Protein backbone atom coordinates (compact mmCIF):
# COMPACT_ATOMS: atom_id res chain seq x y z
CA MET A 1 -10.29 38.14 15.67
CA THR A 2 -7.90 39.13 13.26
CA ILE A 3 -8.93 41.81 10.78
CA LYS A 4 -7.27 41.51 7.41
CA LYS A 5 -9.86 43.03 5.32
CA ILE A 6 -12.00 46.09 5.45
CA VAL A 7 -15.08 46.96 3.63
CA ILE A 8 -16.69 50.28 3.96
CA VAL A 9 -20.00 50.87 2.32
CA GLY A 10 -21.11 54.35 1.52
CA GLY A 11 -19.35 56.81 -0.49
CA GLY A 12 -19.40 60.80 -0.08
CA ALA A 13 -17.21 62.89 1.91
CA VAL A 14 -17.73 60.35 4.77
CA GLY A 15 -17.01 57.34 3.44
CA TRP A 16 -14.02 58.97 1.20
CA SER A 17 -12.49 60.47 4.80
CA VAL A 18 -12.88 57.05 6.15
CA ALA A 19 -10.80 55.08 3.23
CA ALA A 20 -8.46 57.83 2.84
CA LEU A 21 -7.21 57.52 6.66
CA LEU A 22 -7.43 53.84 6.58
CA ARG A 23 -5.18 53.47 3.84
CA ALA A 24 -2.91 55.85 4.82
CA GLN A 25 -2.36 54.39 7.92
CA PHE A 26 -2.77 50.19 7.42
CA PRO A 27 -0.06 48.60 5.35
CA ARG A 28 -1.32 47.29 2.17
CA GLU A 29 0.44 44.19 2.78
CA LEU A 30 -1.67 43.33 6.04
CA VAL A 31 -4.86 45.04 5.83
CA VAL A 32 -7.18 44.85 2.53
CA ILE A 33 -9.58 47.94 2.49
CA GLN A 34 -12.57 48.27 -0.40
CA LEU A 35 -14.96 50.69 -0.21
CA ILE A 36 -18.65 49.98 -2.13
CA GLU A 37 -19.60 53.48 -3.35
CA ASP A 38 -23.42 52.70 -2.32
CA SER A 39 -25.59 55.66 -3.33
CA ARG A 40 -26.69 55.80 -0.27
CA LYS A 41 -24.47 58.17 2.18
CA ASP A 42 -24.90 61.02 4.49
CA ALA A 43 -26.93 63.85 3.37
CA LEU A 44 -23.98 66.64 3.57
CA SER A 45 -23.65 70.10 1.98
CA VAL A 46 -21.35 72.21 2.81
CA GLU A 47 -18.63 72.59 5.85
CA CYS A 48 -17.10 74.93 7.92
CA ALA A 49 -14.36 73.01 9.47
CA SER A 50 -12.05 74.25 12.28
CA SER A 51 -8.49 74.30 11.94
CA ARG A 52 -7.93 70.40 13.39
CA ILE A 53 -9.07 70.10 9.82
CA HIS A 54 -4.91 70.24 8.97
CA SER A 55 -4.25 67.21 11.38
CA PHE A 56 -6.19 65.08 9.54
CA HIS A 57 -5.05 66.21 5.82
CA ASP A 58 -1.58 65.63 7.42
CA LEU A 59 -2.60 62.07 8.75
CA ILE A 60 -4.11 61.20 5.20
CA GLY A 61 -0.84 62.77 3.59
CA LEU A 62 -3.25 65.52 1.53
CA GLN A 63 -1.59 68.44 0.53
CA GLU A 64 -3.74 72.22 1.23
CA LYS A 65 -3.30 73.33 -2.12
CA ILE A 66 -4.96 70.57 -3.69
CA CYS A 67 -8.11 71.50 -1.81
CA MET A 68 -7.67 75.40 -2.61
CA LEU A 69 -7.47 74.37 -6.48
CA ASP A 70 -10.97 73.58 -5.87
CA PRO A 71 -12.99 76.52 -7.21
CA TYR A 72 -15.61 76.37 -4.00
CA THR A 73 -12.73 75.85 -1.17
CA HIS A 74 -12.00 78.43 0.98
CA PHE A 75 -10.12 79.83 4.18
CA GLY A 76 -12.07 80.56 7.25
CA LEU A 77 -10.81 82.60 10.45
CA GLY A 78 -14.01 82.07 12.73
CA VAL A 79 -17.95 82.25 13.06
CA MET A 80 -19.79 85.66 13.84
CA TYR A 81 -22.68 85.24 16.13
CA GLU A 82 -25.70 87.42 15.51
CA GLY A 83 -28.86 87.32 17.46
CA TRP A 84 -27.61 85.31 20.35
CA SER A 85 -26.92 87.80 23.20
CA TYR A 86 -29.35 89.45 24.86
CA ASP A 87 -28.75 93.08 23.55
CA SER A 88 -28.17 91.42 20.19
CA GLN A 89 -24.80 92.50 19.94
CA LYS A 90 -22.47 90.54 17.95
CA TYR A 91 -19.61 88.81 18.73
CA MET A 92 -17.29 86.24 17.28
CA LEU A 93 -15.93 83.06 17.77
CA ALA A 94 -12.19 83.12 16.53
CA GLY A 95 -9.66 80.31 16.08
CA GLY A 96 -6.21 80.80 17.55
CA TYR A 97 -5.33 83.06 20.75
CA TYR A 98 -6.28 85.57 22.53
CA GLY A 99 -4.44 88.18 24.23
CA ALA A 100 -1.13 87.41 25.96
CA SER A 101 -0.31 86.55 29.66
CA LEU A 102 1.40 89.19 31.70
CA ASP A 103 3.57 88.18 34.56
CA GLY A 104 2.26 84.46 34.52
CA VAL A 105 -0.88 85.39 34.50
CA ASP A 106 -3.11 84.01 32.14
CA PHE A 107 -4.94 86.60 29.80
CA GLN A 108 -8.70 85.14 30.52
CA ASN A 109 -8.20 86.22 34.31
CA ILE A 110 -6.77 89.79 33.37
CA TYR A 111 -9.33 90.80 30.90
CA ILE A 112 -12.37 89.33 33.12
CA LYS A 113 -10.86 91.64 36.12
CA ASN A 114 -10.51 94.51 33.72
CA TYR A 115 -13.98 94.14 32.74
CA LEU A 116 -15.72 93.69 36.29
CA SER A 117 -13.65 97.07 36.88
CA GLY A 118 -15.86 98.59 34.46
CA GLU A 119 -13.47 98.55 31.26
CA LYS A 120 -15.94 96.84 28.61
CA ASN A 121 -13.14 95.85 26.15
CA ASP A 122 -14.38 93.66 23.47
CA LEU A 123 -12.80 90.24 23.59
CA ASP A 124 -12.35 90.21 19.89
CA ASP A 125 -10.15 92.89 19.98
CA PHE A 126 -7.44 91.23 21.48
CA SER A 127 -7.69 88.14 19.11
CA LEU A 128 -5.37 88.30 15.60
CA ASN A 129 -7.94 86.07 13.98
CA ALA A 130 -11.28 88.18 14.87
CA VAL A 131 -9.57 91.60 13.91
CA ALA A 132 -7.85 90.21 10.60
CA ALA A 133 -11.48 88.77 9.45
CA LYS A 134 -12.98 91.76 10.33
CA LEU A 135 -10.92 93.51 8.42
CA GLY A 136 -11.23 91.19 5.13
CA ARG A 137 -7.74 90.10 5.60
CA PHE A 138 -6.19 86.60 5.45
CA GLY A 139 -2.58 85.09 5.50
CA HIS A 140 -1.10 81.78 6.62
CA PRO A 141 0.52 81.75 9.87
CA SER A 142 4.35 82.45 10.41
CA SER A 143 6.63 79.17 11.16
CA ASP A 144 8.35 81.64 13.70
CA SER A 145 6.75 81.52 17.04
CA GLN A 146 8.34 84.47 17.81
CA SER A 147 6.11 86.16 15.61
CA ILE A 148 2.73 87.62 16.15
CA TYR A 149 1.46 86.04 12.81
CA SER A 150 2.37 82.39 14.62
CA ALA A 151 -1.07 83.13 16.41
CA ILE A 152 -3.09 82.54 13.26
CA LYS A 153 -5.22 80.00 13.20
CA TYR A 154 -7.51 78.93 10.46
CA GLY A 155 -10.27 76.65 9.01
CA LEU A 156 -11.49 75.68 5.69
CA HIS A 157 -15.06 75.79 4.24
CA PHE A 158 -16.03 72.75 1.81
CA GLN A 159 -18.80 72.42 -0.91
CA LEU A 160 -18.92 68.57 0.10
CA ASP A 161 -19.72 67.16 -3.21
CA SER A 162 -16.56 68.87 -4.41
CA TYR A 163 -14.46 67.50 -1.37
CA ALA A 164 -15.66 64.43 -1.51
CA ASP A 165 -14.46 64.06 -5.02
CA ILE A 166 -10.93 65.37 -3.52
CA LEU A 167 -10.87 62.66 -0.77
CA LYS A 168 -11.92 60.15 -3.69
CA SER A 169 -8.88 61.18 -5.87
CA HIS A 170 -6.74 60.93 -3.29
CA ALA A 171 -8.14 57.83 -1.72
CA LEU A 172 -7.67 55.77 -4.88
CA ALA A 173 -4.26 57.24 -5.41
CA LEU A 174 -3.61 55.71 -2.28
CA GLY A 175 -4.59 52.39 -3.22
CA ILE A 176 -8.37 52.02 -2.33
CA ASP A 177 -10.10 49.05 -3.90
CA VAL A 178 -13.63 50.58 -5.25
CA ILE A 179 -16.81 48.84 -6.54
CA ILE A 180 -19.66 51.02 -7.53
CA ALA A 181 -22.78 49.25 -6.91
CA ASP A 182 -25.58 49.33 -3.92
CA CYS A 183 -25.72 47.00 -1.20
CA THR A 184 -29.23 45.09 -1.88
CA ALA A 185 -28.82 42.13 0.97
CA VAL A 186 -26.73 41.67 3.94
CA SER A 187 -26.10 38.09 5.59
CA ARG A 188 -25.56 37.52 9.24
CA ASP A 189 -24.22 34.45 11.41
CA ASN A 190 -27.07 33.34 13.33
CA ASN A 191 -24.93 32.28 16.31
CA SER A 192 -22.65 34.90 16.56
CA GLY A 193 -24.34 37.90 14.65
CA ASN A 194 -21.53 38.91 12.48
CA ILE A 195 -22.06 40.14 9.39
CA THR A 196 -20.50 37.20 7.02
CA SER A 197 -21.42 38.94 3.23
CA LEU A 198 -22.89 41.61 1.60
CA GLU A 199 -24.53 41.18 -1.88
CA LEU A 200 -24.33 44.11 -4.75
CA ASP A 201 -26.84 44.79 -7.34
CA SER A 202 -23.78 44.54 -9.67
CA GLN A 203 -24.17 40.56 -8.87
CA HIS A 204 -20.92 40.97 -6.53
CA SER A 205 -20.77 39.01 -3.16
CA VAL A 206 -18.39 40.97 -0.75
CA MET A 207 -17.03 39.08 2.21
CA ALA A 208 -14.83 41.10 5.20
CA ASP A 209 -13.36 40.82 8.81
CA LEU A 210 -14.91 44.19 9.47
CA TYR A 211 -17.92 46.40 7.77
CA ILE A 212 -18.14 50.07 8.12
CA ASP A 213 -21.17 51.29 7.57
CA CYS A 214 -21.28 54.96 5.98
CA THR A 215 -24.33 55.19 4.18
CA GLY A 216 -25.87 57.89 5.87
CA GLU A 217 -29.44 57.67 7.63
CA ALA A 218 -30.11 54.52 5.87
CA SER A 219 -27.71 52.86 8.20
CA VAL A 220 -27.87 49.89 5.89
CA LEU A 221 -25.79 47.60 8.20
CA LEU A 222 -25.86 48.76 11.33
CA GLY A 223 -29.57 49.90 11.51
CA ASP A 224 -31.59 47.76 8.91
CA ALA A 225 -29.51 44.55 9.07
CA CYS A 226 -28.11 44.27 12.52
CA GLY A 227 -31.33 46.04 14.14
CA VAL A 228 -29.23 48.67 16.23
CA LYS A 229 -32.26 50.95 17.45
CA CYS A 230 -31.97 54.70 17.57
CA ALA A 231 -31.62 55.73 21.59
CA SER A 232 -34.06 59.13 22.35
CA ASP A 233 -32.39 62.47 22.18
CA ASP A 234 -34.11 65.31 23.55
CA MET A 235 -32.74 67.72 21.21
CA ASP A 236 -34.88 66.03 18.59
CA ILE A 237 -37.77 68.48 19.51
CA LEU A 238 -35.63 71.63 18.63
CA CYS A 239 -35.85 71.63 14.59
CA ASP A 240 -37.61 69.76 11.91
CA ARG A 241 -36.80 71.02 8.81
CA VAL A 242 -33.40 72.09 7.17
CA ALA A 243 -33.47 74.52 3.89
CA ILE A 244 -30.42 75.02 1.88
CA GLY A 245 -29.52 77.81 -0.37
CA TYR A 246 -27.04 79.12 -2.53
CA ARG A 247 -26.10 83.22 -4.08
CA LEU A 248 -23.24 84.68 -5.37
CA GLN A 249 -21.03 85.66 -2.69
CA SER A 250 -22.01 89.19 -1.20
CA SER A 251 -20.06 88.96 2.41
CA LEU A 252 -17.53 92.06 2.82
CA LEU A 253 -15.96 89.46 5.52
CA PRO A 254 -15.18 86.52 3.10
CA SER A 255 -13.27 84.63 6.01
CA ILE A 256 -16.28 84.67 8.37
CA ALA A 257 -19.04 82.32 8.92
CA VAL A 258 -22.42 83.85 10.24
CA LEU A 259 -24.37 82.20 12.39
CA THR A 260 -28.01 83.54 13.53
CA SER A 261 -30.47 82.41 15.80
CA THR A 262 -33.94 83.72 14.78
CA ALA A 263 -37.44 82.98 16.66
CA ASP A 264 -38.57 80.01 14.41
CA GLY A 265 -34.88 78.39 14.00
CA PHE A 266 -30.98 78.75 13.17
CA PHE A 267 -29.02 79.20 10.30
CA LYS A 268 -25.52 79.64 9.29
CA VAL A 269 -24.33 81.52 5.83
CA ILE A 270 -20.92 80.11 4.97
CA PRO A 271 -18.59 81.96 2.25
CA LEU A 272 -16.85 79.85 -0.43
CA LYS A 273 -14.69 81.09 -3.12
CA ASP A 274 -17.56 82.59 -5.20
CA ARG A 275 -20.89 81.66 -3.64
CA ASP A 276 -22.58 81.89 -0.14
CA VAL A 277 -24.37 78.97 1.43
CA ILE A 278 -26.88 79.08 3.46
CA VAL A 279 -28.18 76.29 6.00
CA TYR A 280 -31.33 76.82 8.07
CA TYR A 281 -32.68 74.75 10.61
CA PHE A 282 -36.26 75.85 11.53
CA SER A 283 -39.48 74.24 13.32
CA SER A 284 -42.56 73.76 10.81
CA ASP A 285 -44.70 74.51 14.13
CA LEU A 286 -43.28 77.89 13.74
CA ILE A 287 -42.74 79.03 9.97
CA ARG A 288 -44.18 77.58 7.08
CA GLU A 289 -41.78 76.08 4.29
CA ASN A 290 -43.10 78.80 1.63
CA ASP A 291 -42.14 81.72 3.86
CA ILE A 292 -38.80 80.30 4.40
CA GLU A 293 -38.14 80.21 0.70
CA THR A 294 -39.69 83.39 0.32
CA MET A 295 -37.42 85.19 2.84
CA LEU A 296 -34.30 83.06 1.48
CA ALA A 297 -35.18 84.44 -1.87
CA THR A 298 -35.54 88.03 -0.39
CA TRP A 299 -31.83 87.72 0.93
CA GLY A 300 -30.63 86.46 -3.01
CA PHE A 301 -30.27 82.85 -2.60
CA THR A 302 -31.73 80.27 -5.03
CA HIS A 303 -31.65 76.41 -5.45
CA VAL A 304 -33.24 76.44 -2.07
CA THR A 305 -33.89 72.66 -1.09
CA ILE A 306 -35.78 71.60 1.96
CA ALA A 307 -35.75 68.46 3.82
CA ASN A 308 -36.83 66.56 7.02
CA TYR A 309 -34.25 66.88 9.56
CA ARG A 310 -34.52 64.52 13.11
CA SER A 311 -31.26 64.26 15.40
CA TYR A 312 -30.72 60.51 16.86
CA ARG A 313 -28.14 58.50 18.14
CA ARG A 314 -27.90 54.86 18.07
CA GLU A 315 -27.79 52.87 21.13
CA LYS A 316 -24.40 51.66 19.93
CA PHE A 317 -21.98 52.50 17.02
CA TRP A 318 -19.87 49.35 16.81
CA VAL A 319 -21.54 46.01 17.15
CA ASN A 320 -19.90 42.66 16.37
CA ASN A 321 -18.23 43.26 13.05
CA CYS A 322 -20.02 46.12 11.89
CA LEU A 323 -18.87 49.95 12.48
CA ALA A 324 -21.14 52.74 12.12
CA ILE A 325 -19.47 56.13 11.36
CA GLY A 326 -21.16 59.28 10.63
CA HIS A 327 -25.33 59.50 10.02
CA SER A 328 -25.47 56.17 9.97
CA GLY A 329 -24.89 56.00 13.65
CA ALA A 330 -25.85 59.49 14.70
CA ARG A 331 -27.05 62.76 13.50
CA TYR A 332 -27.22 66.57 15.28
CA CYS A 333 -27.61 69.89 14.29
CA ASP A 334 -24.45 70.68 12.38
CA LEU A 335 -24.57 74.42 12.69
CA LEU A 336 -22.44 74.31 15.81
CA VAL A 337 -20.31 71.21 15.17
CA SER A 338 -18.79 70.06 11.88
CA PRO A 339 -20.21 66.59 11.41
CA LEU A 340 -17.17 65.68 9.45
CA GLN A 341 -15.17 66.79 12.19
CA SER A 342 -17.15 63.98 14.27
CA VAL A 343 -16.52 61.56 11.45
CA ARG A 344 -12.80 62.44 11.63
CA ASP A 345 -12.41 61.80 15.62
CA SER A 346 -14.75 58.75 15.16
CA ILE A 347 -12.14 56.78 12.54
CA VAL A 348 -9.09 58.41 14.59
CA ARG A 349 -10.70 57.01 17.69
CA PHE A 350 -11.00 53.64 16.22
CA LEU A 351 -7.36 53.23 14.82
CA ASP A 352 -5.98 54.20 18.42
CA LEU A 353 -8.26 51.39 19.93
CA PHE A 354 -7.23 48.91 17.07
CA ILE A 355 -3.83 49.57 17.59
CA ASP A 356 -3.66 49.74 21.51
CA PHE A 357 -6.34 46.86 22.21
CA ASP A 358 -5.03 43.17 21.47
CA ASN A 359 -8.67 42.34 22.42
CA VAL A 360 -11.46 43.60 19.81
CA ASP A 361 -14.41 43.33 22.40
CA ALA A 362 -12.56 45.32 24.50
CA SER A 363 -11.92 48.09 21.76
CA ARG A 364 -15.60 47.64 20.60
CA ASP A 365 -16.89 48.51 24.35
CA GLU A 366 -14.43 51.44 24.77
CA PHE A 367 -15.31 53.10 21.07
CA ASN A 368 -18.82 52.68 21.84
CA ARG A 369 -18.18 54.51 25.56
CA LEU A 370 -15.96 57.35 24.18
CA SER A 371 -18.58 57.79 21.35
CA HIS A 372 -21.34 58.39 23.95
CA ILE A 373 -19.09 60.80 25.54
CA GLU A 374 -18.33 62.80 22.39
CA LEU A 375 -22.20 62.63 21.65
CA ASP A 376 -22.62 64.16 25.04
CA ASN A 377 -20.36 66.88 24.30
CA ILE A 378 -21.79 67.72 21.08
CA ASN A 379 -25.40 68.15 23.14
CA GLU A 380 -23.91 70.23 25.66
CA VAL A 381 -22.98 72.78 23.20
CA ILE A 382 -26.10 72.75 21.03
CA GLU A 383 -27.87 73.01 24.61
CA LEU A 384 -25.55 75.80 25.92
CA HIS A 385 -26.06 77.99 22.87
CA MET A 386 -30.33 77.01 23.06
CA TYR A 387 -29.55 78.41 26.26
CA ALA A 388 -28.00 81.92 25.59
CA SER A 389 -30.58 82.48 22.51
CA GLN A 390 -34.07 81.94 24.89
CA HIS A 391 -34.69 85.71 25.04
CA HIS A 392 -35.96 85.67 21.16
CA SER A 393 -35.95 82.25 20.22
CA ALA A 394 -39.47 80.46 20.25
CA VAL A 395 -37.45 77.35 19.48
CA SER A 396 -35.24 77.49 22.60
CA CYS A 397 -38.28 78.84 24.53
CA ARG A 398 -40.08 75.68 23.74
CA TYR A 399 -37.23 73.21 24.44
CA PHE A 400 -36.54 74.86 28.09
CA SER A 401 -40.29 74.89 28.91
CA SER A 402 -40.20 71.41 29.57
CA HIS A 403 -36.22 70.68 29.71
CA SER A 404 -33.80 71.99 32.43
CA LEU A 405 -30.24 72.19 31.79
CA SER A 406 -28.17 68.57 32.13
CA SER A 407 -26.19 68.04 34.66
CA SER A 408 -23.09 68.80 32.28
CA SER A 409 -24.14 71.98 30.85
CA ALA A 410 -25.58 73.12 34.20
CA HIS A 411 -21.97 72.87 35.75
CA ARG A 412 -19.96 73.97 33.04
CA LEU A 413 -22.35 77.23 32.95
CA ASN A 414 -22.18 77.41 36.94
CA LEU A 415 -18.20 76.69 37.11
CA PHE A 416 -17.57 79.81 34.77
CA VAL A 417 -20.12 82.01 36.38
CA SER A 418 -18.66 81.60 39.60
CA ASN A 419 -15.08 82.20 39.05
CA GLY A 420 -14.42 81.46 35.05
CA ARG A 421 -13.11 78.19 35.12
CA HIS A 422 -13.85 75.10 33.06
CA THR A 423 -14.57 71.92 33.25
CA HIS A 424 -11.35 69.65 32.04
CA CYS A 425 -12.49 66.66 29.11
CA ASP A 426 -10.06 64.99 26.83
CA LEU A 427 -13.30 65.06 24.19
CA SER A 428 -13.94 68.57 24.93
CA LEU A 429 -15.33 70.28 21.46
CA LEU A 430 -13.58 73.80 22.61
CA THR A 431 -10.77 75.02 23.96
CA ASP A 432 -11.13 77.47 27.33
CA ILE A 433 -10.59 80.39 25.76
CA GLU A 434 -12.93 79.74 23.18
CA TRP A 435 -15.86 78.71 25.86
CA ALA A 436 -14.89 82.07 27.28
CA ALA A 437 -15.39 83.99 24.21
CA PHE A 438 -18.92 82.54 23.76
CA PHE A 439 -19.95 83.04 27.81
CA ILE A 440 -18.78 86.51 27.26
CA GLY A 441 -20.32 87.43 23.83
CA ASN A 442 -23.96 86.32 25.29
CA LYS A 443 -22.67 88.76 28.55
CA ILE A 444 -22.17 85.70 30.74
CA ILE A 445 -19.64 87.29 32.95
CA PRO A 446 -17.64 85.55 35.96
CA LYS A 447 -18.26 86.59 39.18
CA SER A 448 -14.67 86.56 40.33
CA TYR A 449 -11.28 85.32 38.52
CA SER A 450 -8.09 84.09 39.69
CA TYR A 451 -6.62 86.13 42.77
CA ASP A 452 -3.08 85.94 41.12
CA VAL A 453 -4.27 88.94 38.92
CA ASP A 454 -4.50 90.82 41.99
CA PHE A 455 -0.87 91.05 42.54
CA LEU A 456 -0.65 93.08 38.99
CA ASP A 457 -0.53 97.00 39.47
CA GLY A 458 -4.34 98.04 37.98
CA GLU A 459 -2.83 100.56 36.14
CA ARG A 460 -0.30 98.72 34.70
CA VAL A 461 -3.06 96.24 33.54
CA ARG A 462 -4.97 98.90 31.75
CA ASP A 463 -1.65 100.20 29.87
CA PHE A 464 -0.95 96.45 28.78
CA LEU A 465 -4.12 95.96 27.22
CA SER A 466 -4.49 98.95 25.64
CA LYS A 467 -0.93 98.42 24.12
CA LEU A 468 -2.01 94.95 23.34
CA LYS A 469 -5.15 95.75 21.45
CA ALA A 470 -3.13 98.21 19.36
CA VAL A 471 -0.69 95.90 18.41
CA ILE A 472 -2.91 93.31 17.28
CA PHE A 473 -4.83 95.88 15.08
CA GLU A 474 -1.75 97.16 13.47
CA SER A 475 -0.43 93.57 12.63
CA ALA A 476 -4.01 92.75 11.39
CA GLN A 477 -3.41 95.72 8.79
CA LYS A 478 -0.52 94.77 7.77
CA ILE A 479 -2.14 91.01 6.53
CA PRO A 480 -2.71 91.13 2.87
CA LYS A 481 -6.30 91.52 1.87
CA HIS A 482 -8.46 88.63 1.56
CA ALA A 483 -8.94 88.46 -2.15
CA ASP A 484 -5.39 89.70 -2.85
CA TYR A 485 -4.02 86.43 -0.94
CA ILE A 486 -6.35 83.91 -2.61
CA LYS A 487 -5.18 85.32 -6.37
CA SER A 488 -1.13 85.28 -5.50
CA LEU A 489 -2.10 81.93 -4.14
CA LEU A 490 -4.26 80.66 -7.21
CA LYS A 491 -1.18 81.84 -9.44
């Protein structure tokens, strides 16, 4: 099968992300790429993107300054957790590095031994990102690898309608052909099952070698036309509603998103340039919609909308000549893992397999296999977060009353508890130190550590940690105030 024309169906941030990346990577003379801007698309409102967003922007050639001119796009240094640990202590999952090694011994093991010896230092205090964020400061990382400021890693917060417009303008500049119309009919070959053409309400008929479904939960191509069913997902019982609201930005920590576990659900408050956005997943069995609206209004959120929510995944994501990206293939609770990051990973995966494999059948099978592994990893992140919040969350308690931890989640937890080690997976969503920050933030402390630490003098280790903590704090104080830095950039 030779792919000379690709048609993407569905716009929004998902469709235009796919279009921009494909157009940037495929020579125009070899592959024609067309986007049908169907009104059905992923129902996404806001994204709290990690530092991995920058590699995607590099791939499509999008400059950060174009994003920052948008009135809503904002910098993010990490996520503050509230109401997760059993003692309700706050902790932060920051991007970038934590601490530093000493005589070749990694920081995590040094910290754990010191903690077990009775020194209860907050792990946050050893992250330049976390300390700067708590002080309300921000700056770009230094290009000098010897500078402590090279340790800064930051993500971006987006209002996704605005971000979709940025991606659309960029994709059009790259040469994407666009038709604004809804797909009204799909024709398929009875023998092969391949899609042969699309009928549009603009009276157009479109043909291609490969069709990419970005129509969101409607799944016009993969679900409707190709009949690919949804596989069961145990996570589906957690929450069934999602509320979204806005307020004028009131956060004193403008570069920190706040993730909170409550008895009836989970919510995330994401600061943008001039407003905060709240996304609240909840169970209608535990709290009524009008109570959610009243509560959000008390917190200052207006323009609240509430919609049904369900998590699911298709049995396959690439069937014959139809590939699904985004909610047309799967949906999950996006408080913990950005759905657009999954979109970016999926289309990069397609590109890698398309280039590496001469056989399209092999590429298709491998794409489906890796996509399921990615979703299993996402579920592992969600499941372990639910596990950590059982002490007060009725949603989590209800889940674990009928489910045990999956084997992969139990293995990751037990491996860390036994000796502070981590599982190894190419598709892991969190780095080892981020997993450590999550576990330690929830007071899940390893029973042992690498014996290399025992070769270090205890007094020297305590002195090292004390000085390291002081250096990080002093360095963070020298970073510009967040608001001042934004103003200087916009000039």
